[in-house]
Each structure stands twice: as structure tokens, then as C-alpha cells.
Amino acid sequence: MADNPTLYIINGPNLNMLGVREPDIYGHETLDDVAGELEDKAADLGLNIDMRQSNHEGHLIDWIQEAYANGAKAIILNAGALTHTSMAIYDAIRAVETPVIEVHISNPLAREDYRTESWVGKAAIGTISGFGTQSYLLALDAAHTL
């Protein structure tokens, strides 16, 4: 299993509250539920995942750089609200060669106006959004093909 490629799955602010926070938008699954589904699917695809969550922007930047330093196959990134505000995360993605796939549970383009700009999306190779927590599994499929 150690020889299998690793994907980093990085989650930003408030994603630790999945299942509790606005279930009408984000659903009832917890981040642990999502992690279990991703681990099962990754194993079927011959991949390892390293899934993390932090409410602190600097942690996300450190983990993007760590994924690159460790030779990760790809990064699946749900930066939460930092998606729309963080030029530092944009710069971190641009600084590394590891492909980043942006993920969102909801569709930011169908929500508040301030959510329509994505700094992460401007640096990522692609974005998957609006499919609930299934967005993560779709991103895993995409990362597998890289």
C-alpha cells in the first residue's frame, strides 16, 4: 500500500462542521463520513489518501507545500470560504507543480454574489462543485486519471 500514489485531500474552514452546519446546503454527512467513502474508493483505485482539515489558512498553505515536497499525485482542495479571499492559497498552488482540483459541496456560482470569484479556481486545473459530498468522489476519479 505504501507504493501506491498518494492524494492529499485538504479541507478548509468550517468543513469540520459538516453534518451540523446548514444541512439544507451541505447535507447531513460528516467529514468523517466523506473520509470513509474516499478511503474505500481510493483503495479500489490503488491510491492512498491523506485527508486533513483546518480552520487556519496557514495550515492549508503548509499542506499544499508538503504535498508537493512528498510527491503527491494530486491535491483535492475544498478551501471553504478562503476560496473567495485567499491570494496566499492561490500563490501556494501556483508555486507547486502538484495538480490541484478545487472541490465544493454546493455550487458557489448559484449562491451569494461574493462566492462567484474563486482564487483557488484560478490556480487549479479544474473545479467540481454542486454535487454534494459526491463532488469529492468525482474529484477522486479525476485525480486518478492524471
C-alpha atoms as a PDB file:
ATOM      1  CA  MET A   1       0.000   0.000   0.000  1.00  0.00           C
ATOM      2  CA  ALA A   2       2.898   2.399   0.668  1.00  0.00           C
ATOM      3  CA  ASP A   3       3.905   2.186  -3.003  1.00  0.00           C
ATOM      4  CA  ASN A   4       0.522   3.472  -4.168  1.00  0.00           C
ATOM      5  CA  PRO A   5       0.329   7.120  -5.192  1.00  0.00           C
ATOM      6  CA  THR A   6      -1.000   9.485  -2.530  1.00  0.00           C
ATOM      7  CA  LEU A   7      -3.620  12.173  -2.934  1.00  0.00           C
ATOM      8  CA  TYR A   8      -3.873  14.942  -0.386  1.00  0.00           C
ATOM      9  CA  ILE A   9      -7.444  15.957   0.393  1.00  0.00           C
ATOM     10  CA  ILE A  10      -7.312  19.324   2.106  1.00  0.00           C
ATOM     11  CA  ASN A  11     -10.358  20.912   3.707  1.00  0.00           C
ATOM     12  CA  GLY A  12     -10.586  24.461   4.959  1.00  0.00           C
ATOM     13  CA  PRO A  13     -12.587  26.447   7.478  1.00  0.00           C
ATOM     14  CA  ASN A  14     -15.855  25.123   8.869  1.00  0.00           C
ATOM     15  CA  LEU A  15     -15.733  21.829   6.996  1.00  0.00           C
ATOM     16  CA  ASN A  16     -15.263  20.137  10.356  1.00  0.00           C
ATOM     17  CA  MET A  17     -18.895  21.156  10.934  1.00  0.00           C
ATOM     18  CA  LEU A  18     -20.329  19.117   8.050  1.00  0.00           C
ATOM     19  CA  GLY A  19     -23.478  17.341   9.090  1.00  0.00           C
ATOM     20  CA  VAL A  20     -24.290  20.136  11.535  1.00  0.00           C
ATOM     21  CA  ARG A  21     -23.701  23.335   9.576  1.00  0.00           C
ATOM     22  CA  GLU A  22     -26.557  24.338   7.262  1.00  0.00           C
ATOM     23  CA  PRO A  23     -27.624  20.810   6.296  1.00  0.00           C
ATOM     24  CA  ASP A  24     -30.044  22.272   3.729  1.00  0.00           C
ATOM     25  CA  ILE A  25     -26.957  23.436   1.782  1.00  0.00           C
ATOM     26  CA  TYR A  26     -24.241  20.978   2.809  1.00  0.00           C
ATOM     27  CA  GLY A  27     -26.215  17.832   3.671  1.00  0.00           C
ATOM     28  CA  HIS A  28     -26.112  15.553   6.685  1.00  0.00           C
ATOM     29  CA  GLU A  29     -22.880  13.655   6.023  1.00  0.00           C
ATOM     30  CA  THR A  30     -19.953  14.443   8.296  1.00  0.00           C
ATOM     31  CA  LEU A  31     -16.379  14.939   7.140  1.00  0.00           C
ATOM     32  CA  ASP A  32     -15.608  11.551   8.713  1.00  0.00           C
ATOM     33  CA  ASP A  33     -18.342  10.005   6.536  1.00  0.00           C
ATOM     34  CA  VAL A  34     -16.750  11.587   3.459  1.00  0.00           C
ATOM     35  CA  ALA A  35     -13.303  10.356   4.525  1.00  0.00           C
ATOM     36  CA  GLY A  36     -14.589   6.787   4.825  1.00  0.00           C
ATOM     37  CA  GLU A  37     -16.126   6.877   1.354  1.00  0.00           C
ATOM     38  CA  LEU A  38     -12.940   8.349  -0.102  1.00  0.00           C
ATOM     39  CA  GLU A  39     -10.728   5.765   1.610  1.00  0.00           C
ATOM     40  CA  ASP A  40     -12.849   2.919   0.228  1.00  0.00           C
ATOM     41  CA  LYS A  41     -12.866   4.293  -3.306  1.00  0.00           C
ATOM     42  CA  ALA A  42      -9.161   5.196  -3.203  1.00  0.00           C
ATOM     43  CA  ALA A  43      -8.298   1.642  -2.164  1.00  0.00           C
ATOM     44  CA  ASP A  44     -10.310   0.314  -5.130  1.00  0.00           C
ATOM     45  CA  LEU A  45      -8.337   2.636  -7.429  1.00  0.00           C
ATOM     46  CA  GLY A  46      -4.951   1.716  -5.934  1.00  0.00           C
ATOM     47  CA  LEU A  47      -4.475   5.122  -4.302  1.00  0.00           C
ATOM     48  CA  ASN A  48      -3.727   6.320  -0.791  1.00  0.00           C
ATOM     49  CA  ILE A  49      -5.328   9.426   0.630  1.00  0.00           C
ATOM     50  CA  ASP A  50      -4.092  11.827   3.251  1.00  0.00           C
ATOM     51  CA  MET A  51      -7.162  13.785   4.362  1.00  0.00           C
ATOM     52  CA  ARG A  52      -6.853  16.881   6.524  1.00  0.00           C
ATOM     53  CA  GLN A  53      -8.953  19.796   7.751  1.00  0.00           C
ATOM     54  CA  SER A  54      -8.051  23.088   9.371  1.00  0.00           C
ATOM     55  CA  ASN A  55      -9.763  26.359  10.161  1.00  0.00           C
ATOM     56  CA  HIS A  56      -6.410  28.138   9.668  1.00  0.00           C
ATOM     57  CA  GLU A  57      -5.234  29.421   6.305  1.00  0.00           C
ATOM     58  CA  GLY A  58      -1.548  28.842   7.031  1.00  0.00           C
ATOM     59  CA  HIS A  59      -2.130  25.138   7.636  1.00  0.00           C
ATOM     60  CA  LEU A  60      -3.684  24.784   4.180  1.00  0.00           C
ATOM     61  CA  ILE A  61      -0.666  26.517   2.617  1.00  0.00           C
ATOM     62  CA  ASP A  62       1.764  24.318   4.566  1.00  0.00           C
ATOM     63  CA  TRP A  63      -0.102  21.192   3.439  1.00  0.00           C
ATOM     64  CA  ILE A  64      -0.089  22.258  -0.233  1.00  0.00           C
ATOM     65  CA  GLN A  65       3.674  22.681   0.003  1.00  0.00           C
ATOM     66  CA  GLU A  66       4.031  19.392   1.899  1.00  0.00           C
ATOM     67  CA  ALA A  67       2.049  17.528  -0.763  1.00  0.00           C
ATOM     68  CA  TYR A  68       4.452  18.844  -3.381  1.00  0.00           C
ATOM     69  CA  ALA A  69       7.537  18.022  -1.291  1.00  0.00           C
ATOM     70  CA  ASN A  70       6.240  14.484  -0.703  1.00  0.00           C
ATOM     71  CA  GLY A  71       5.498  13.862  -4.375  1.00  0.00           C
ATOM     72  CA  ALA A  72       1.715  13.617  -4.067  1.00  0.00           C
ATOM     73  CA  LYS A  73      -0.097  12.638  -7.255  1.00  0.00           C
ATOM     74  CA  ALA A  74      -2.620  15.458  -6.770  1.00  0.00           C
ATOM     75  CA  ILE A  75      -4.375  17.647  -4.232  1.00  0.00           C
ATOM     76  CA  ILE A  76      -8.136  17.812  -3.851  1.00  0.00           C
ATOM     77  CA  LEU A  77      -8.832  21.132  -2.159  1.00  0.00           C
ATOM     78  CA  ASN A  78     -12.011  22.465  -0.608  1.00  0.00           C
ATOM     79  CA  ALA A  79     -10.776  25.745   0.836  1.00  0.00           C
ATOM     80  CA  GLY A  80     -14.225  26.730   2.090  1.00  0.00           C
ATOM     81  CA  ALA A  81     -14.725  30.486   2.258  1.00  0.00           C
ATOM     82  CA  LEU A  82     -10.980  31.018   1.751  1.00  0.00           C
ATOM     83  CA  THR A  83     -11.681  30.066  -1.865  1.00  0.00           C
ATOM     84  CA  HIS A  84     -13.019  33.570  -2.428  1.00  0.00           C
ATOM     85  CA  THR A  85     -10.500  35.585  -0.436  1.00  0.00           C
ATOM     86  CA  SER A  86      -7.101  33.938  -0.221  1.00  0.00           C
ATOM     87  CA  MET A  87      -4.462  35.145  -2.609  1.00  0.00           C
ATOM     88  CA  ALA A  88      -1.993  33.325  -0.335  1.00  0.00           C
ATOM     89  CA  ILE A  89      -3.585  29.965  -1.184  1.00  0.00           C
ATOM     90  CA  TYR A  90      -3.630  30.993  -4.856  1.00  0.00           C
ATOM     91  CA  ASP A  91       0.097  31.738  -4.628  1.00  0.00           C
ATOM     92  CA  ALA A  92       0.769  28.414  -2.866  1.00  0.00           C
ATOM     93  CA  ILE A  93      -1.000  26.468  -5.621  1.00  0.00           C
ATOM     94  CA  ARG A  94       0.881  28.393  -8.307  1.00  0.00           C
ATOM     95  CA  ALA A  95       4.199  27.749  -6.540  1.00  0.00           C
ATOM     96  CA  VAL A  96       3.951  23.955  -6.775  1.00  0.00           C
ATOM     97  CA  GLU A  97       3.745  21.552  -9.701  1.00  0.00           C
ATOM     98  CA  THR A  98       1.280  19.205  -7.975  1.00  0.00           C
ATOM     99  CA  PRO A  99      -2.086  19.365  -9.751  1.00  0.00           C
ATOM    100  CA  VAL A 100      -4.888  20.829  -7.618  1.00  0.00           C
ATOM    101  CA  ILE A 101      -8.560  20.026  -8.123  1.00  0.00           C
ATOM    102  CA  GLU A 102     -10.932  22.501  -6.493  1.00  0.00           C
ATOM    103  CA  VAL A 103     -13.990  20.932  -4.848  1.00  0.00           C
ATOM    104  CA  HIS A 104     -17.175  22.395  -3.405  1.00  0.00           C
ATOM    105  CA  ILE A 105     -20.179  20.623  -1.955  1.00  0.00           C
ATOM    106  CA  SER A 106     -22.579  23.354  -3.063  1.00  0.00           C
ATOM    107  CA  ASN A 107     -22.406  25.309  -6.304  1.00  0.00           C
ATOM    108  CA  PRO A 108     -20.816  28.660  -5.379  1.00  0.00           C
ATOM    109  CA  LEU A 109     -21.960  30.207  -8.665  1.00  0.00           C
ATOM    110  CA  ALA A 110     -25.582  29.618  -7.681  1.00  0.00           C
ATOM    111  CA  ARG A 111     -25.165  31.248  -4.278  1.00  0.00           C
ATOM    112  CA  GLU A 112     -24.265  34.689  -2.943  1.00  0.00           C
ATOM    113  CA  ASP A 113     -22.505  37.101  -5.316  1.00  0.00           C
ATOM    114  CA  TYR A 114     -19.339  37.185  -3.214  1.00  0.00           C
ATOM    115  CA  ARG A 115     -18.908  33.447  -3.804  1.00  0.00           C
ATOM    116  CA  THR A 116     -18.657  33.769  -7.582  1.00  0.00           C
ATOM    117  CA  GLU A 117     -14.939  34.603  -7.618  1.00  0.00           C
ATOM    118  CA  SER A 118     -12.567  31.761  -6.808  1.00  0.00           C
ATOM    119  CA  TRP A 119      -8.867  32.391  -6.252  1.00  0.00           C
ATOM    120  CA  VAL A 120      -8.416  28.638  -5.871  1.00  0.00           C
ATOM    121  CA  GLY A 121     -10.177  28.014  -9.174  1.00  0.00           C
ATOM    122  CA  LYS A 122      -7.897  30.481 -10.953  1.00  0.00           C
ATOM    123  CA  ALA A 123      -4.904  28.316  -9.999  1.00  0.00           C
ATOM    124  CA  ALA A 124      -6.466  24.815 -10.018  1.00  0.00           C
ATOM    125  CA  ILE A 125      -6.526  22.519 -13.050  1.00  0.00           C
ATOM    126  CA  GLY A 126     -10.284  22.103 -12.638  1.00  0.00           C
ATOM    127  CA  THR A 127     -13.290  22.550 -10.375  1.00  0.00           C
ATOM    128  CA  ILE A 128     -16.024  20.137  -9.332  1.00  0.00           C
ATOM    129  CA  SER A 129     -18.941  21.644  -7.442  1.00  0.00           C
ATOM    130  CA  GLY A 130     -22.618  21.336  -6.734  1.00  0.00           C
ATOM    131  CA  PHE A 131     -22.918  17.569  -6.334  1.00  0.00           C
ATOM    132  CA  GLY A 132     -22.984  17.470  -2.548  1.00  0.00           C
ATOM    133  CA  THR A 133     -20.311  15.335  -0.949  1.00  0.00           C
ATOM    134  CA  GLN A 134     -20.310  13.305  -4.188  1.00  0.00           C
ATOM    135  CA  SER A 135     -18.124  16.154  -5.520  1.00  0.00           C
ATOM    136  CA  TYR A 136     -15.207  14.662  -3.570  1.00  0.00           C
ATOM    137  CA  LEU A 137     -15.672  11.250  -5.197  1.00  0.00           C
ATOM    138  CA  LEU A 138     -15.873  12.837  -8.640  1.00  0.00           C
ATOM    139  CA  ALA A 139     -12.646  14.702  -7.896  1.00  0.00           C
ATOM    140  CA  LEU A 140     -11.038  11.432  -6.803  1.00  0.00           C
ATOM    141  CA  ASP A 141     -11.973   9.912 -10.166  1.00  0.00           C
ATOM    142  CA  ALA A 142     -10.483  12.939 -11.938  1.00  0.00           C
ATOM    143  CA  ALA A 143      -7.281  12.787  -9.889  1.00  0.00           C
ATOM    144  CA  HIS A 144      -6.925   9.086 -10.648  1.00  0.00           C
ATOM    145  CA  THR A 145      -6.721   9.858 -14.372  1.00  0.00           C
ATOM    146  CA  LEU A 146      -3.883  12.380 -14.007  1.00  0.00           C
END
